[in-house]
Amino acid sequence: MKIAVITFSPQGAVLAQRLRALLPACRLFFHESMPDTAGAERFKTVMSLTRRVFPVVKGIIYIGPCGIAVRAVAGCIK
């Protein structure tokens, strides 16, 4: 996995699907509260997901509030 695309909303899922068409090496992660969307992995908390994928990806794209992304990454940066 080279790029993780993480989103929390149905609108974000639409954008994430468009990104996957442009970046075939990316993996999609959708919050568990969203309706099922084919081809995406589900996650419960963005903090635990970020800790899991941070060491194994080249990049993370968050589609959602900036504050959530900053808090999720903060614990992974040294």
PDB file of N, CA and C in Angstrom:
ATOM      1  N   MET A   1       0.855  -1.181   0.000  1.00  0.00           N
ATOM      2  CA  MET A   1       0.000   0.000   0.000  1.00  0.00           C
ATOM      3  C   MET A   1       0.895   1.236   0.000  1.00  0.00           C
ATOM      4  N   LYS A   2       0.671   2.114  -0.938  1.00  0.00           N
ATOM      5  CA  LYS A   2       1.489   3.313  -1.024  1.00  0.00           C
ATOM      6  C   LYS A   2       0.795   4.533  -0.449  1.00  0.00           C
ATOM      7  N   ILE A   3      -0.514   4.674  -0.679  1.00  0.00           N
ATOM      8  CA  ILE A   3      -1.249   5.834  -0.195  1.00  0.00           C
ATOM      9  C   ILE A   3      -2.550   5.365   0.436  1.00  0.00           C
ATOM     10  N   ALA A   4      -2.834   5.871   1.626  1.00  0.00           N
ATOM     11  CA  ALA A   4      -4.102   5.601   2.290  1.00  0.00           C
ATOM     12  C   ALA A   4      -4.995   6.817   2.107  1.00  0.00           C
ATOM     13  N   VAL A   5      -6.225   6.586   1.686  1.00  0.00           N
ATOM     14  CA  VAL A   5      -7.219   7.653   1.549  1.00  0.00           C
ATOM     15  C   VAL A   5      -8.290   7.389   2.591  1.00  0.00           C
ATOM     16  N   ILE A   6      -8.439   8.329   3.521  1.00  0.00           N
ATOM     17  CA  ILE A   6      -9.314   8.152   4.677  1.00  0.00           C
ATOM     18  C   ILE A   6     -10.411   9.210   4.637  1.00  0.00           C
ATOM     19  N   THR A   7     -11.659   8.771   4.794  1.00  0.00           N
ATOM     20  CA  THR A   7     -12.760   9.722   4.801  1.00  0.00           C
ATOM     21  C   THR A   7     -13.847   9.303   5.787  1.00  0.00           C
ATOM     22  N   PHE A   8     -14.716  10.276   6.086  1.00  0.00           N
ATOM     23  CA  PHE A   8     -15.726  10.113   7.135  1.00  0.00           C
ATOM     24  C   PHE A   8     -17.145  10.326   6.636  1.00  0.00           C
ATOM     25  N   SER A   9     -17.322  10.747   5.382  1.00  0.00           N
ATOM     26  CA  SER A   9     -18.650  11.136   4.909  1.00  0.00           C
ATOM     27  C   SER A   9     -18.935  10.565   3.524  1.00  0.00           C
ATOM     28  N   PRO A  10     -20.207  10.465   3.172  1.00  0.00           N
ATOM     29  CA  PRO A  10     -20.556  10.012   1.821  1.00  0.00           C
ATOM     30  C   PRO A  10     -19.987  10.932   0.730  1.00  0.00           C
ATOM     31  N   GLN A  11     -19.951  12.234   0.984  1.00  0.00           N
ATOM     32  CA  GLN A  11     -19.372  13.156   0.010  1.00  0.00           C
ATOM     33  C   GLN A  11     -17.878  12.888  -0.150  1.00  0.00           C
ATOM     34  N   GLY A  12     -17.205  12.600   0.955  1.00  0.00           N
ATOM     35  CA  GLY A  12     -15.790  12.252   0.907  1.00  0.00           C
ATOM     36  C   GLY A  12     -15.563  10.954   0.162  1.00  0.00           C
ATOM     37  N   ALA A  13     -16.503  10.021   0.281  1.00  0.00           N
ATOM     38  CA  ALA A  13     -16.380   8.740  -0.415  1.00  0.00           C
ATOM     39  C   ALA A  13     -16.403   8.930  -1.930  1.00  0.00           C
ATOM     40  N   VAL A  14     -17.220   9.862  -2.390  1.00  0.00           N
ATOM     41  CA  VAL A  14     -17.279  10.143  -3.834  1.00  0.00           C
ATOM     42  C   VAL A  14     -15.916  10.641  -4.313  1.00  0.00           C
ATOM     43  N   LEU A  15     -15.334  11.578  -3.571  1.00  0.00           N
ATOM     44  CA  LEU A  15     -14.018  12.096  -3.936  1.00  0.00           C
ATOM     45  C   LEU A  15     -12.953  11.006  -3.841  1.00  0.00           C
ATOM     46  N   ALA A  16     -13.032  10.182  -2.810  1.00  0.00           N
ATOM     47  CA  ALA A  16     -12.062   9.094  -2.640  1.00  0.00           C
ATOM     48  C   ALA A  16     -12.109   8.125  -3.822  1.00  0.00           C
ATOM     49  N   GLN A  17     -13.295   7.809  -4.295  1.00  0.00           N
ATOM     50  CA  GLN A  17     -13.425   6.918  -5.450  1.00  0.00           C
ATOM     51  C   GLN A  17     -12.801   7.552  -6.693  1.00  0.00           C
ATOM     52  N   ARG A  18     -12.960   8.859  -6.848  1.00  0.00           N
ATOM     53  CA  ARG A  18     -12.333   9.561  -7.976  1.00  0.00           C
ATOM     54  C   ARG A  18     -10.812   9.520  -7.856  1.00  0.00           C
ATOM     55  N   LEU A  19     -10.305   9.675  -6.639  1.00  0.00           N
ATOM     56  CA  LEU A  19      -8.855   9.609  -6.424  1.00  0.00           C
ATOM     57  C   LEU A  19      -8.317   8.223  -6.766  1.00  0.00           C
ATOM     58  N   ARG A  20      -9.068   7.196  -6.394  1.00  0.00           N
ATOM     59  CA  ARG A  20      -8.607   5.829  -6.682  1.00  0.00           C
ATOM     60  C   ARG A  20      -8.458   5.613  -8.186  1.00  0.00           C
ATOM     61  N   ALA A  21      -9.326   6.233  -8.968  1.00  0.00           N
ATOM     62  CA  ALA A  21      -9.216   6.102 -10.426  1.00  0.00           C
ATOM     63  C   ALA A  21      -7.915   6.730 -10.928  1.00  0.00           C
ATOM     64  N   LEU A  22      -7.458   7.785 -10.241  1.00  0.00           N
ATOM     65  CA  LEU A  22      -6.221   8.462 -10.639  1.00  0.00           C
ATOM     66  C   LEU A  22      -4.978   7.865  -9.991  1.00  0.00           C
ATOM     67  N   LEU A  23      -5.151   7.276  -8.814  1.00  0.00           N
ATOM     68  CA  LEU A  23      -4.044   6.699  -8.044  1.00  0.00           C
ATOM     69  C   LEU A  23      -4.357   5.234  -7.748  1.00  0.00           C
ATOM     70  N   PRO A  24      -4.170   4.350  -8.693  1.00  0.00           N
ATOM     71  CA  PRO A  24      -4.572   2.957  -8.494  1.00  0.00           C
ATOM     72  C   PRO A  24      -3.885   2.261  -7.318  1.00  0.00           C
ATOM     73  N   ALA A  25      -2.751   2.757  -6.865  1.00  0.00           N
ATOM     74  CA  ALA A  25      -2.048   2.111  -5.759  1.00  0.00           C
ATOM     75  C   ALA A  25      -2.605   2.511  -4.399  1.00  0.00           C
ATOM     76  N   CYS A  26      -3.624   3.354  -4.369  1.00  0.00           N
ATOM     77  CA  CYS A  26      -4.139   3.790  -3.071  1.00  0.00           C
ATOM     78  C   CYS A  26      -5.149   2.786  -2.520  1.00  0.00           C
ATOM     79  N   ARG A  27      -5.324   2.860  -1.211  1.00  0.00           N
ATOM     80  CA  ARG A  27      -6.284   2.012  -0.509  1.00  0.00           C
ATOM     81  C   ARG A  27      -7.270   2.922   0.198  1.00  0.00           C
ATOM     82  N   LEU A  28      -8.554   2.628   0.091  1.00  0.00           N
ATOM     83  CA  LEU A  28      -9.590   3.469   0.666  1.00  0.00           C
ATOM     84  C   LEU A  28     -10.009   2.960   2.042  1.00  0.00           C
ATOM     85  N   PHE A  29     -10.227   3.916   2.949  1.00  0.00           N
ATOM     86  CA  PHE A  29     -10.698   3.614   4.300  1.00  0.00           C
ATOM     87  C   PHE A  29     -11.874   4.540   4.595  1.00  0.00           C
ATOM     88  N   PHE A  30     -13.050   3.944   4.856  1.00  0.00           N
ATOM     89  CA  PHE A  30     -14.258   4.714   5.146  1.00  0.00           C
ATOM     90  C   PHE A  30     -14.711   4.423   6.571  1.00  0.00           C
ATOM     91  N   HIS A  31     -15.154   5.464   7.259  1.00  0.00           N
ATOM     92  CA  HIS A  31     -15.633   5.311   8.633  1.00  0.00           C
ATOM     93  C   HIS A  31     -16.807   4.333   8.664  1.00  0.00           C
ATOM     94  N   GLU A  32     -16.878   3.571   9.739  1.00  0.00           N
ATOM     95  CA  GLU A  32     -17.900   2.526   9.857  1.00  0.00           C
ATOM     96  C   GLU A  32     -19.327   3.064   9.858  1.00  0.00           C
ATOM     97  N   SER A  33     -19.527   4.337  10.139  1.00  0.00           N
ATOM     98  CA  SER A  33     -20.876   4.905  10.169  1.00  0.00           C
ATOM     99  C   SER A  33     -21.436   5.152   8.769  1.00  0.00           C
ATOM    100  N   MET A  34     -20.592   5.064   7.758  1.00  0.00           N
ATOM    101  CA  MET A  34     -21.029   5.308   6.390  1.00  0.00           C
ATOM    102  C   MET A  34     -21.687   4.068   5.812  1.00  0.00           C
ATOM    103  N   PRO A  35     -22.592   4.262   4.856  1.00  0.00           N
ATOM    104  CA  PRO A  35     -23.172   3.088   4.181  1.00  0.00           C
ATOM    105  C   PRO A  35     -22.066   2.293   3.499  1.00  0.00           C
ATOM    106  N   ASP A  36     -22.277   1.005   3.371  1.00  0.00           N
ATOM    107  CA  ASP A  36     -21.261   0.162   2.724  1.00  0.00           C
ATOM    108  C   ASP A  36     -20.904   0.703   1.348  1.00  0.00           C
ATOM    109  N   THR A  37     -19.620   0.751   1.090  1.00  0.00           N
ATOM    110  CA  THR A  37     -19.123   1.165  -0.210  1.00  0.00           C
ATOM    111  C   THR A  37     -18.107   0.135  -0.668  1.00  0.00           C
ATOM    112  N   ALA A  38     -18.333  -0.392  -1.825  1.00  0.00           N
ATOM    113  CA  ALA A  38     -17.474  -1.457  -2.352  1.00  0.00           C
ATOM    114  C   ALA A  38     -16.028  -1.000  -2.483  1.00  0.00           C
ATOM    115  N   GLY A  39     -15.123  -1.882  -2.108  1.00  0.00           N
ATOM    116  CA  GLY A  39     -13.706  -1.630  -2.299  1.00  0.00           C
ATOM    117  C   GLY A  39     -13.028  -0.818  -1.217  1.00  0.00           C
ATOM    118  N   ALA A  40     -13.743  -0.494  -0.153  1.00  0.00           N
ATOM    119  CA  ALA A  40     -13.148   0.288   0.929  1.00  0.00           C
ATOM    120  C   ALA A  40     -13.116  -0.538   2.211  1.00  0.00           C
ATOM    121  N   GLU A  41     -12.065  -0.332   2.980  1.00  0.00           N
ATOM    122  CA  GLU A  41     -11.990  -0.959   4.296  1.00  0.00           C
ATOM    123  C   GLU A  41     -12.668  -0.039   5.300  1.00  0.00           C
ATOM    124  N   ARG A  42     -13.283  -0.612   6.295  1.00  0.00           N
ATOM    125  CA  ARG A  42     -13.999   0.156   7.317  1.00  0.00           C
ATOM    126  C   ARG A  42     -13.073   0.404   8.497  1.00  0.00           C
ATOM    127  N   PHE A  43     -13.278   1.524   9.195  1.00  0.00           N
ATOM    128  CA  PHE A  43     -12.527   1.786  10.420  1.00  0.00           C
ATOM    129  C   PHE A  43     -13.444   2.398  11.455  1.00  0.00           C
ATOM    130  N   LYS A  44     -13.067   2.185  12.722  1.00  0.00           N
ATOM    131  CA  LYS A  44     -13.876   2.691  13.828  1.00  0.00           C
ATOM    132  C   LYS A  44     -13.363   4.043  14.303  1.00  0.00           C
ATOM    133  N   THR A  45     -12.053   4.141  14.555  1.00  0.00           N
ATOM    134  CA  THR A  45     -11.486   5.421  14.995  1.00  0.00           C
ATOM    135  C   THR A  45     -10.319   5.799  14.103  1.00  0.00           C
ATOM    136  N   VAL A  46     -10.272   7.060  13.733  1.00  0.00           N
ATOM    137  CA  VAL A  46      -9.214   7.539  12.840  1.00  0.00           C
ATOM    138  C   VAL A  46      -7.856   7.499  13.532  1.00  0.00           C
ATOM    139  N   MET A  47      -7.841   7.649  14.851  1.00  0.00           N
ATOM    140  CA  MET A  47      -6.572   7.607  15.588  1.00  0.00           C
ATOM    141  C   MET A  47      -5.935   6.216  15.467  1.00  0.00           C
ATOM    142  N   SER A  48      -6.702   5.169  15.711  1.00  0.00           N
ATOM    143  CA  SER A  48      -6.129   3.819  15.645  1.00  0.00           C
ATOM    144  C   SER A  48      -5.786   3.449  14.202  1.00  0.00           C
ATOM    145  N   LEU A  49      -6.607   3.857  13.249  1.00  0.00           N
ATOM    146  CA  LEU A  49      -6.293   3.585  11.848  1.00  0.00           C
ATOM    147  C   LEU A  49      -5.001   4.280  11.443  1.00  0.00           C
ATOM    148  N   THR A  50      -4.845   5.540  11.820  1.00  0.00           N
ATOM    149  CA  THR A  50      -3.639   6.283  11.461  1.00  0.00           C
ATOM    150  C   THR A  50      -2.406   5.630  12.064  1.00  0.00           C
ATOM    151  N   ARG A  51      -2.474   5.226  13.332  1.00  0.00           N
ATOM    152  CA  ARG A  51      -1.331   4.544  13.956  1.00  0.00           C
ATOM    153  C   ARG A  51      -0.974   3.265  13.211  1.00  0.00           C
ATOM    154  N   ARG A  52      -1.982   2.570  12.715  1.00  0.00           N
ATOM    155  CA  ARG A  52      -1.745   1.303  12.013  1.00  0.00           C
ATOM    156  C   ARG A  52      -1.122   1.523  10.636  1.00  0.00           C
ATOM    157  N   VAL A  53      -1.607   2.520   9.873  1.00  0.00           N
ATOM    158  CA  VAL A  53      -1.120   2.674   8.497  1.00  0.00           C
ATOM    159  C   VAL A  53       0.084   3.598   8.365  1.00  0.00           C
ATOM    160  N   PHE A  54       0.284   4.491   9.324  1.00  0.00           N
ATOM    161  CA  PHE A  54       1.360   5.492   9.218  1.00  0.00           C
ATOM    162  C   PHE A  54       2.732   4.877   8.898  1.00  0.00           C
ATOM    163  N   PRO A  55       3.143   3.806   9.583  1.00  0.00           N
ATOM    164  CA  PRO A  55       4.485   3.276   9.297  1.00  0.00           C
ATOM    165  C   PRO A  55       4.611   2.508   7.980  1.00  0.00           C
ATOM    166  N   VAL A  56       3.497   2.204   7.317  1.00  0.00           N
ATOM    167  CA  VAL A  56       3.581   1.352   6.131  1.00  0.00           C
ATOM    168  C   VAL A  56       3.144   2.027   4.830  1.00  0.00           C
ATOM    169  N   VAL A  57       2.848   3.314   4.875  1.00  0.00           N
ATOM    170  CA  VAL A  57       2.435   4.025   3.663  1.00  0.00           C
ATOM    171  C   VAL A  57       3.414   5.140   3.318  1.00  0.00           C
ATOM    172  N   LYS A  58       3.368   5.557   2.076  1.00  0.00           N
ATOM    173  CA  LYS A  58       4.179   6.701   1.629  1.00  0.00           C
ATOM    174  C   LYS A  58       3.427   8.006   1.855  1.00  0.00           C
ATOM    175  N   GLY A  59       2.100   7.934   1.947  1.00  0.00           N
ATOM    176  CA  GLY A  59       1.299   9.135   2.151  1.00  0.00           C
ATOM    177  C   GLY A  59      -0.088   8.800   2.642  1.00  0.00           C
ATOM    178  N   ILE A  60      -0.706   9.775   3.295  1.00  0.00           N
ATOM    179  CA  ILE A  60      -2.080   9.645   3.772  1.00  0.00           C
ATOM    180  C   ILE A  60      -2.842  10.868   3.285  1.00  0.00           C
ATOM    181  N   ILE A  61      -3.991  10.617   2.677  1.00  0.00           N
ATOM    182  CA  ILE A  61      -4.884  11.699   2.266  1.00  0.00           C
ATOM    183  C   ILE A  61      -6.125  11.596   3.134  1.00  0.00           C
ATOM    184  N   TYR A  62      -6.388  12.642   3.913  1.00  0.00           N
ATOM    185  CA  TYR A  62      -7.603  12.714   4.715  1.00  0.00           C
ATOM    186  C   TYR A  62      -8.602  13.575   3.958  1.00  0.00           C
ATOM    187  N   ILE A  63      -9.804  13.068   3.788  1.00  0.00           N
ATOM    188  CA  ILE A  63     -10.881  13.856   3.203  1.00  0.00           C
ATOM    189  C   ILE A  63     -11.854  14.103   4.339  1.00  0.00           C
ATOM    190  N   GLY A  64     -11.718  15.269   4.964  1.00  0.00           N
ATOM    191  CA  GLY A  64     -12.538  15.599   6.123  1.00  0.00           C
ATOM    192  C   GLY A  64     -11.950  16.797   6.837  1.00  0.00           C
ATOM    193  N   PRO A  65     -12.429  17.055   8.048  1.00  0.00           N
ATOM    194  CA  PRO A  65     -11.957  18.211   8.811  1.00  0.00           C
ATOM    195  C   PRO A  65     -10.455  18.158   9.092  1.00  0.00           C
ATOM    196  N   CYS A  66      -9.791  19.258   8.888  1.00  0.00           N
ATOM    197  CA  CYS A  66      -8.345  19.363   9.083  1.00  0.00           C
ATOM    198  C   CYS A  66      -7.947  19.035  10.519  1.00  0.00           C
ATOM    199  N   GLY A  67      -8.724  19.476  11.477  1.00  0.00           N
ATOM    200  CA  GLY A  67      -8.401  19.232  12.875  1.00  0.00           C
ATOM    201  C   GLY A  67      -8.317  17.751  13.212  1.00  0.00           C
ATOM    202  N   ILE A  68      -9.194  16.973  12.626  1.00  0.00           N
ATOM    203  CA  ILE A  68      -9.163  15.522  12.866  1.00  0.00           C
ATOM    204  C   ILE A  68      -7.859  14.937  12.321  1.00  0.00           C
ATOM    205  N   ALA A  69      -7.482  15.353  11.129  1.00  0.00           N
ATOM    206  CA  ALA A  69      -6.254  14.840  10.522  1.00  0.00           C
ATOM    207  C   ALA A  69      -5.028  15.220  11.346  1.00  0.00           C
ATOM    208  N   VAL A  70      -4.975  16.458  11.815  1.00  0.00           N
ATOM    209  CA  VAL A  70      -3.827  16.916  12.605  1.00  0.00           C
ATOM    210  C   VAL A  70      -3.726  16.114  13.899  1.00  0.00           C
ATOM    211  N   ARG A  71      -4.834  15.928  14.583  1.00  0.00           N
ATOM    212  CA  ARG A  71      -4.805  15.170  15.844  1.00  0.00           C
ATOM    213  C   ARG A  71      -4.423  13.709  15.603  1.00  0.00           C
ATOM    214  N   ALA A  72      -4.884  13.140  14.493  1.00  0.00           N
ATOM    215  CA  ALA A  72      -4.578  11.736  14.196  1.00  0.00           C
ATOM    216  C   ALA A  72      -3.103  11.531  13.895  1.00  0.00           C
ATOM    217  N   VAL A  73      -2.493  12.456  13.177  1.00  0.00           N
ATOM    218  CA  VAL A  73      -1.077  12.333  12.790  1.00  0.00           C
ATOM    219  C   VAL A  73      -0.137  12.730  13.910  1.00  0.00           C
ATOM    220  N   ALA A  74      -0.575  13.627  14.772  1.00  0.00           N
ATOM    221  CA  ALA A  74       0.308  14.180  15.825  1.00  0.00           C
ATOM    222  C   ALA A  74       0.979  13.093  16.651  1.00  0.00           C
ATOM    223  N   GLY A  75       0.275  12.050  16.987  1.00  0.00           N
ATOM    224  CA  GLY A  75       0.857  10.994  17.804  1.00  0.00           C
ATOM    225  C   GLY A  75       1.842  10.096  17.063  1.00  0.00           C
ATOM    226  N   CYS A  76       1.912  10.230  15.749  1.00  0.00           N
ATOM    227  CA  CYS A  76       2.789   9.370  14.944  1.00  0.00           C
ATOM    228  C   CYS A  76       4.094  10.047  14.561  1.00  0.00           C
ATOM    229  N   ILE A  77       4.156  11.342  14.698  1.00  0.00           N
ATOM    230  CA  ILE A  77       5.344  12.093  14.266  1.00  0.00           C
ATOM    231  C   ILE A  77       6.349  12.191  15.400  1.00  0.00           C
ATOM    232  N   LYS A  78       7.607  11.913  15.083  1.00  0.00           N
ATOM    233  CA  LYS A  78       8.668  11.999  16.085  1.00  0.00           C
ATOM    234  C   LYS A  78       9.663  13.047  15.694  1.00  0.00           C
TER     235      LYS A  78
END
